[in-house]
C-alpha atoms as a PDB file:
ATOM      1  CA  MET A   1      12.470 -14.814   2.282  1.00  0.00           C
ATOM      2  CA  PRO A   2      12.965 -11.921   4.730  1.00  0.00           C
ATOM      3  CA  HIS A   3      13.295  -8.361   3.442  1.00  0.00           C
ATOM      4  CA  LEU A   4      14.923  -5.252   4.878  1.00  0.00           C
ATOM      5  CA  VAL A   5      11.469  -3.763   5.553  1.00  0.00           C
ATOM      6  CA  PRO A   6       7.881  -5.006   5.187  1.00  0.00           C
ATOM      7  CA  LEU A   7       6.442  -4.737   1.667  1.00  0.00           C
ATOM      8  CA  LEU A   8       3.032  -3.453   0.580  1.00  0.00           C
ATOM      9  CA  ILE A   9       1.912  -4.272  -2.977  1.00  0.00           C
ATOM     10  CA  ARG A  10      -0.875  -2.023  -4.245  1.00  0.00           C
ATOM     11  CA  GLY A  11      -3.711  -2.541  -6.690  1.00  0.00           C
ATOM     12  CA  ILE A  12      -3.777  -6.333  -6.996  1.00  0.00           C
ATOM     13  CA  ASN A  13      -6.259  -7.166  -9.772  1.00  0.00           C
ATOM     14  CA  ASN A  14      -5.385 -10.685 -10.892  1.00  0.00           C
ATOM     15  CA  LEU A  15      -4.562 -14.086  -9.449  1.00  0.00           C
ATOM     16  CA  SER A  16      -1.038 -14.159 -10.918  1.00  0.00           C
ATOM     17  CA  ASP A  17      -0.025 -11.055  -8.950  1.00  0.00           C
ATOM     18  CA  ALA A  18      -1.802 -12.131  -5.785  1.00  0.00           C
ATOM     19  CA  ARG A  19      -0.081 -15.514  -5.653  1.00  0.00           C
ATOM     20  CA  TYR A  20       3.319 -14.261  -6.819  1.00  0.00           C
ATOM     21  CA  CYS A  21       3.508 -11.384  -4.329  1.00  0.00           C
ATOM     22  CA  ALA A  22       2.293 -13.497  -1.407  1.00  0.00           C
ATOM     23  CA  GLY A  23       4.774 -16.223  -2.336  1.00  0.00           C
ATOM     24  CA  MET A  24       7.675 -13.750  -2.604  1.00  0.00           C
ATOM     25  CA  GLY A  25       7.120 -12.505   0.933  1.00  0.00           C
ATOM     26  CA  ALA A  26       4.953  -9.402   0.567  1.00  0.00           C
ATOM     27  CA  ASP A  27       3.352  -8.491   3.882  1.00  0.00           C
ATOM     28  CA  LYS A  28       0.301  -6.558   2.667  1.00  0.00           C
ATOM     29  CA  LEU A  29      -1.739  -6.534  -0.545  1.00  0.00           C
ATOM     30  CA  THR A  30      -4.230  -3.841  -1.506  1.00  0.00           C
ATOM     31  CA  PHE A  31      -7.286  -4.188  -3.723  1.00  0.00           C
ATOM     32  CA  ILE A  32      -9.062  -1.147  -5.202  1.00  0.00           C
ATOM     33  CA  LEU A  33     -12.646  -1.551  -4.006  1.00  0.00           C
ATOM     34  CA  ASP A  34     -14.049   1.961  -4.432  1.00  0.00           C
ATOM     35  CA  PRO A  35     -16.317   1.920  -7.544  1.00  0.00           C
ATOM     36  CA  ALA A  36     -15.317   5.529  -8.304  1.00  0.00           C
ATOM     37  CA  LEU A  37     -11.644   4.622  -8.765  1.00  0.00           C
ATOM     38  CA  PRO A  38     -10.128   3.344 -12.017  1.00  0.00           C
ATOM     39  CA  GLY A  39      -9.351  -0.362 -11.991  1.00  0.00           C
ATOM     40  CA  HIS A  40     -11.670  -1.157  -9.101  1.00  0.00           C
ATOM     41  CA  LEU A  41     -12.682  -4.744  -8.355  1.00  0.00           C
ATOM     42  CA  ALA A  42     -16.086  -6.046  -7.341  1.00  0.00           C
ATOM     43  CA  PRO A  43     -16.050  -7.492  -3.812  1.00  0.00           C
ATOM     44  CA  LYS A  44     -16.859 -10.921  -5.249  1.00  0.00           C
ATOM     45  CA  THR A  45     -13.741 -10.807  -7.451  1.00  0.00           C
ATOM     46  CA  MET A  46     -11.553  -9.637  -4.574  1.00  0.00           C
ATOM     47  CA  LYS A  47     -12.816 -12.481  -2.368  1.00  0.00           C
ATOM     48  CA  GLU A  48     -12.070 -15.014  -5.105  1.00  0.00           C
ATOM     49  CA  LEU A  49      -8.485 -13.741  -5.377  1.00  0.00           C
ATOM     50  CA  ALA A  50      -8.019 -13.671  -1.602  1.00  0.00           C
ATOM     51  CA  GLY A  51      -9.208 -17.266  -1.380  1.00  0.00           C
ATOM     52  CA  TRP A  52      -6.028 -18.383  -3.165  1.00  0.00           C
ATOM     53  CA  ILE A  53      -3.532 -16.708  -0.820  1.00  0.00           C
ATOM     54  CA  ALA A  54      -2.604 -16.831   2.849  1.00  0.00           C
ATOM     55  CA  GLY A  55      -0.263 -15.116   5.252  1.00  0.00           C
ATOM     56  CA  VAL A  56      -0.734 -11.553   3.996  1.00  0.00           C
ATOM     57  CA  GLU A  57      -2.748  -8.606   5.273  1.00  0.00           C
ATOM     58  CA  LEU A  58      -5.659  -7.727   2.952  1.00  0.00           C
ATOM     59  CA  ILE A  59      -6.325  -4.014   2.507  1.00  0.00           C
ATOM     60  CA  GLY A  60      -9.045  -2.241   0.543  1.00  0.00           C
ATOM     61  CA  GLU A  61      -8.307   1.074  -1.192  1.00  0.00           C
ATOM     62  CA  PHE A  62     -10.998   3.774  -1.090  1.00  0.00           C
ATOM     63  CA  ASP A  63     -11.265   7.457  -1.934  1.00  0.00           C
ATOM     64  CA  GLN A  64     -14.412   9.447  -1.101  1.00  0.00           C
ATOM     65  CA  LEU A  65     -16.785   6.557  -0.408  1.00  0.00           C
ATOM     66  CA  SER A  66     -18.847   7.012   2.759  1.00  0.00           C
ATOM     67  CA  ALA A  67     -17.789   5.357   6.000  1.00  0.00           C
ATOM     68  CA  HIS A  68     -20.968   3.260   5.910  1.00  0.00           C
ATOM     69  CA  LYS A  69     -20.132   1.900   2.438  1.00  0.00           C
ATOM     70  CA  ILE A  70     -16.485   1.304   3.392  1.00  0.00           C
ATOM     71  CA  ASN A  71     -17.573  -0.618   6.473  1.00  0.00           C
ATOM     72  CA  SER A  72     -20.016  -2.711   4.450  1.00  0.00           C
ATOM     73  CA  ILE A  73     -17.464  -3.649   1.771  1.00  0.00           C
ATOM     74  CA  SER A  74     -14.787  -4.260   4.397  1.00  0.00           C
ATOM     75  CA  ALA A  75     -16.997  -6.682   6.280  1.00  0.00           C
ATOM     76  CA  GLU A  76     -18.049  -8.477   3.086  1.00  0.00           C
ATOM     77  CA  CYS A  77     -14.412  -8.884   1.983  1.00  0.00           C
ATOM     78  CA  ALA A  78     -13.019  -9.630   5.476  1.00  0.00           C
ATOM     79  CA  LEU A  79     -10.449  -6.825   5.120  1.00  0.00           C
ATOM     80  CA  ASP A  80      -7.717  -6.405   7.698  1.00  0.00           C
ATOM     81  CA  ALA A  81      -7.481  -2.652   7.056  1.00  0.00           C
ATOM     82  CA  VAL A  82      -8.322   0.105   4.579  1.00  0.00           C
ATOM     83  CA  LEU A  83      -6.152   2.597   2.717  1.00  0.00           C
ATOM     84  CA  LEU A  84      -7.780   5.979   2.179  1.00  0.00           C
ATOM     85  CA  ARG A  85      -6.480   7.948  -0.780  1.00  0.00           C
ATOM     86  CA  SER A  86      -7.406  11.278   0.770  1.00  0.00           C
ATOM     87  CA  PRO A  87      -7.375  12.512   4.390  1.00  0.00           C
ATOM     88  CA  ARG A  88     -10.569  12.686   6.408  1.00  0.00           C
ATOM     89  CA  THR A  89     -11.557  14.493   9.564  1.00  0.00           C
ATOM     90  CA  ALA A  90     -11.077  12.785  12.904  1.00  0.00           C
ATOM     91  CA  ALA A  91     -14.865  12.404  13.155  1.00  0.00           C
ATOM     92  CA  GLU A  92     -15.036  10.674   9.766  1.00  0.00           C
ATOM     93  CA  LEU A  93     -12.140   8.392  10.647  1.00  0.00           C
ATOM     94  CA  ALA A  94     -13.880   7.395  13.866  1.00  0.00           C
ATOM     95  CA  GLU A  95     -16.817   6.071  11.815  1.00  0.00           C
ATOM     96  CA  ILE A  96     -14.626   3.688   9.790  1.00  0.00           C
ATOM     97  CA  ALA A  97     -14.543   0.297  11.476  1.00  0.00           C
ATOM     98  CA  PRO A  98     -11.330  -1.295  10.103  1.00  0.00           C
ATOM     99  CA  PRO A  99      -7.880   0.094  10.924  1.00  0.00           C
ATOM    100  CA  VAL A 100      -6.887   2.912   8.543  1.00  0.00           C
ATOM    101  CA  TYR A 101      -3.844   3.846   6.478  1.00  0.00           C
ATOM    102  CA  ILE A 102      -3.870   7.248   4.741  1.00  0.00           C
ATOM    103  CA  GLU A 103      -2.141   8.089   1.463  1.00  0.00           C
ATOM    104  CA  LEU A 104      -0.505  11.507   1.194  1.00  0.00           C
ATOM    105  CA  PRO A 105       0.789  13.268  -1.920  1.00  0.00           C
ATOM    106  CA  GLY A 106       4.575  13.087  -2.339  1.00  0.00           C
ATOM    107  CA  ASP A 107       4.950  16.794  -1.555  1.00  0.00           C
ATOM    108  CA  ALA A 108       6.759  17.930   1.596  1.00  0.00           C
ATOM    109  CA  SER A 109       4.250  20.758   2.129  1.00  0.00           C
ATOM    110  CA  VAL A 110       1.560  18.312   3.320  1.00  0.00           C
ATOM    111  CA  PHE A 111       3.710  16.632   5.954  1.00  0.00           C
ATOM    112  CA  THR A 112       2.794  19.202   8.589  1.00  0.00           C
ATOM    113  CA  GLN A 113      -0.708  17.738   8.920  1.00  0.00           C
ATOM    114  CA  THR A 114      -1.573  15.886  12.094  1.00  0.00           C
ATOM    115  CA  PHE A 115      -3.490  12.628  12.180  1.00  0.00           C
ATOM    116  CA  PRO A 116      -5.247  10.771  14.984  1.00  0.00           C
ATOM    117  CA  GLU A 117      -3.217   8.092  16.745  1.00  0.00           C
ATOM    118  CA  SER A 118      -5.736   5.562  15.429  1.00  0.00           C
ATOM    119  CA  VAL A 119      -4.249   5.907  11.923  1.00  0.00           C
ATOM    120  CA  LEU A 120      -2.011   2.852  11.397  1.00  0.00           C
ATOM    121  CA  GLY A 121       0.357   4.556   8.999  1.00  0.00           C
ATOM    122  CA  LEU A 122       0.913   7.034   6.206  1.00  0.00           C
ATOM    123  CA  VAL A 123       1.604   5.994   2.607  1.00  0.00           C
ATOM    124  CA  VAL A 124       3.514   8.333   0.285  1.00  0.00           C
ATOM    125  CA  GLU A 125       4.148   7.554  -3.390  1.00  0.00           C
ATOM    126  CA  LEU A 126       7.324   9.434  -4.256  1.00  0.00           C
ATOM    127  CA  PRO A 127       7.781  11.345  -7.499  1.00  0.00           C
ATOM    128  CA  THR A 128      10.606  10.203  -9.781  1.00  0.00           C
ATOM    129  CA  SER A 129      12.822  13.000  -8.490  1.00  0.00           C
ATOM    130  CA  THR A 130      12.720  13.721  -4.767  1.00  0.00           C
ATOM    131  CA  SER A 131      14.262  16.885  -3.311  1.00  0.00           C
ATOM    132  CA  ALA A 132      16.547  16.916  -0.272  1.00  0.00           C
ATOM    133  CA  GLU A 133      13.879  18.998   1.510  1.00  0.00           C
ATOM    134  CA  THR A 134      11.248  16.314   0.922  1.00  0.00           C
ATOM    135  CA  LEU A 135      13.583  13.540   2.071  1.00  0.00           C
ATOM    136  CA  ALA A 136      14.365  15.471   5.263  1.00  0.00           C
ATOM    137  CA  ALA A 137      10.647  15.952   5.910  1.00  0.00           C
ATOM    138  CA  LEU A 138      10.029  12.248   5.294  1.00  0.00           C
ATOM    139  CA  GLN A 139      12.785  11.301   7.708  1.00  0.00           C
ATOM    140  CA  GLN A 140      11.172  13.418  10.421  1.00  0.00           C
ATOM    141  CA  ILE A 141       7.721  11.938   9.728  1.00  0.00           C
ATOM    142  CA  ALA A 142       9.140   8.406   9.801  1.00  0.00           C
ATOM    143  CA  ARG A 143      10.480   9.031  13.297  1.00  0.00           C
ATOM    144  CA  GLU A 144       7.043  10.081  14.501  1.00  0.00           C
ATOM    145  CA  ARG A 145       4.574   7.891  12.579  1.00  0.00           C
ATOM    146  CA  PRO A 146       4.681   4.585  10.675  1.00  0.00           C
ATOM    147  CA  LEU A 147       5.603   5.653   7.136  1.00  0.00           C
ATOM    148  CA  TRP A 148       5.340   3.581   3.949  1.00  0.00           C
ATOM    149  CA  LEU A 149       7.149   4.980   0.913  1.00  0.00           C
ATOM    150  CA  GLY A 150       6.538   4.119  -2.722  1.00  0.00           C
ATOM    151  CA  PRO A 151       9.764   4.512  -4.727  1.00  0.00           C
ATOM    152  CA  GLY A 152       8.363   3.060  -7.958  1.00  0.00           C
ATOM    153  CA  LEU A 153       9.796  -0.152  -9.379  1.00  0.00           C
ATOM    154  CA  LEU A 154      13.392   1.018  -8.916  1.00  0.00           C
ATOM    155  CA  PRO A 155      15.439  -1.599  -7.018  1.00  0.00           C
ATOM    156  CA  GLU A 156      18.433   0.587  -6.081  1.00  0.00           C
ATOM    157  CA  ARG A 157      16.253   3.481  -4.959  1.00  0.00           C
ATOM    158  CA  ALA A 158      14.123   1.106  -2.897  1.00  0.00           C
ATOM    159  CA  ARG A 159      17.162  -0.384  -1.163  1.00  0.00           C
ATOM    160  CA  ASP A 160      18.610   3.081  -0.459  1.00  0.00           C
ATOM    161  CA  LEU A 161      15.360   4.248   1.156  1.00  0.00           C
ATOM    162  CA  ALA A 162      15.038   1.045   3.187  1.00  0.00           C
ATOM    163  CA  THR A 163      18.530   1.472   4.600  1.00  0.00           C
ATOM    164  CA  GLN A 164      18.582   5.258   5.053  1.00  0.00           C
ATOM    165  CA  LEU A 165      15.153   6.032   6.548  1.00  0.00           C
ATOM    166  CA  PRO A 166      13.389   4.518   9.591  1.00  0.00           C
ATOM    167  CA  LEU A 167      10.458   3.261   7.496  1.00  0.00           C
ATOM    168  CA  ALA A 168       7.533   1.051   8.448  1.00  0.00           C
ATOM    169  CA  GLY A 169       7.849  -0.374   4.935  1.00  0.00           C
ATOM    170  CA  LEU A 170       7.885   0.218   1.187  1.00  0.00           C
ATOM    171  CA  SER A 171       4.978   0.116  -1.245  1.00  0.00           C
ATOM    172  CA  PHE A 172       5.034  -0.957  -4.891  1.00  0.00           C
ATOM    173  CA  PRO A 173       2.455  -1.093  -7.675  1.00  0.00           C
ATOM    174  CA  SER A 174       1.247  -4.424  -8.960  1.00  0.00           C
ATOM    175  CA  GLY A 175       0.562  -4.824 -12.658  1.00  0.00           C
ATOM    176  CA  ASP A 176      -1.727  -6.303 -15.247  1.00  0.00           C
ATOM    177  CA  GLU A 177      -1.663  -9.700 -16.856  1.00  0.00           C
ATOM    178  CA  VAL A 178      -0.766  -9.814 -20.554  1.00  0.00           C
ATOM    179  CA  LYS A 179      -3.599 -12.320 -20.775  1.00  0.00           C
ATOM    180  CA  PRO A 180      -5.184 -14.541 -18.112  1.00  0.00           C
ATOM    181  CA  GLY A 181      -2.406 -16.452 -16.367  1.00  0.00           C
ATOM    182  CA  LEU A 182       0.421 -14.679 -18.251  1.00  0.00           C
ATOM    183  CA  ARG A 183       2.351 -11.933 -16.450  1.00  0.00           C
ATOM    184  CA  ASP A 184       5.873 -10.491 -16.676  1.00  0.00           C
ATOM    185  CA  PHE A 185       7.299 -10.219 -13.155  1.00  0.00           C
ATOM    186  CA  ASP A 186      10.822  -9.022 -14.042  1.00  0.00           C
ATOM    187  CA  GLN A 187      10.461  -5.568 -12.442  1.00  0.00           C
ATOM    188  CA  LEU A 188       8.794  -6.805  -9.267  1.00  0.00           C
ATOM    189  CA  GLU A 189      11.285  -9.646  -8.987  1.00  0.00           C
ATOM    190  CA  ALA A 190      14.191  -7.189  -9.190  1.00  0.00           C
ATOM    191  CA  VAL A 191      12.676  -5.133  -6.361  1.00  0.00           C
ATOM    192  CA  PHE A 192      12.049  -8.181  -4.157  1.00  0.00           C
ATOM    193  CA  GLU A 193      15.633  -9.382  -4.729  1.00  0.00           C
ATOM    194  CA  ALA A 194      17.143  -5.954  -4.022  1.00  0.00           C
ATOM    195  CA  LEU A 195      15.394  -5.843  -0.658  1.00  0.00           C
ATOM    196  CA  GLU A 196      16.305  -9.325   0.505  1.00  0.00           C
ATOM    197  CA  ILE A 197      18.396  -9.445   3.660  1.00  0.00           C
ATOM    198  CA  ASP A 198      21.940 -10.525   2.741  1.00  0.00           C
END
């Protein structure tokens, strides 16, 4: 089912989410693979989950882990790309083998930074309330670089952003199973449906 923009689902940590999101047409799934981050997965677990899905880009999320460690985990997990939760210098980025996305804080003051052309895109998780100044800054960034916005699990807000800004895509959080194999997908389903092409 085609959507208005590509969809990135972050923090997949269970098979229910992995299969549901891939089946609903998500384009990219992230897995937290940095041991220093809350909710991280062991590479073995991530590979087991990835073995059940097809047709999506697999991305590992990392924070301050060294380029060497990122490269090692990326190769072990056959990642298509990595998402860095904090900016790095151009020299550090050059040492990371997979293609890179960078997450920025949802604050317009950071949008003046420049990034190497090698960076695939910027990911910004928006606060609940977004000022007109921030939206204007985001619009300018989206014209210059591939920009992925995270509007939270708010269907109307997601659709508005997808239709008003020249985005590369939207990002959404995954969730946790109530117990193995049991998961409430109502919020994600509402977002997927709101972004379907009429």
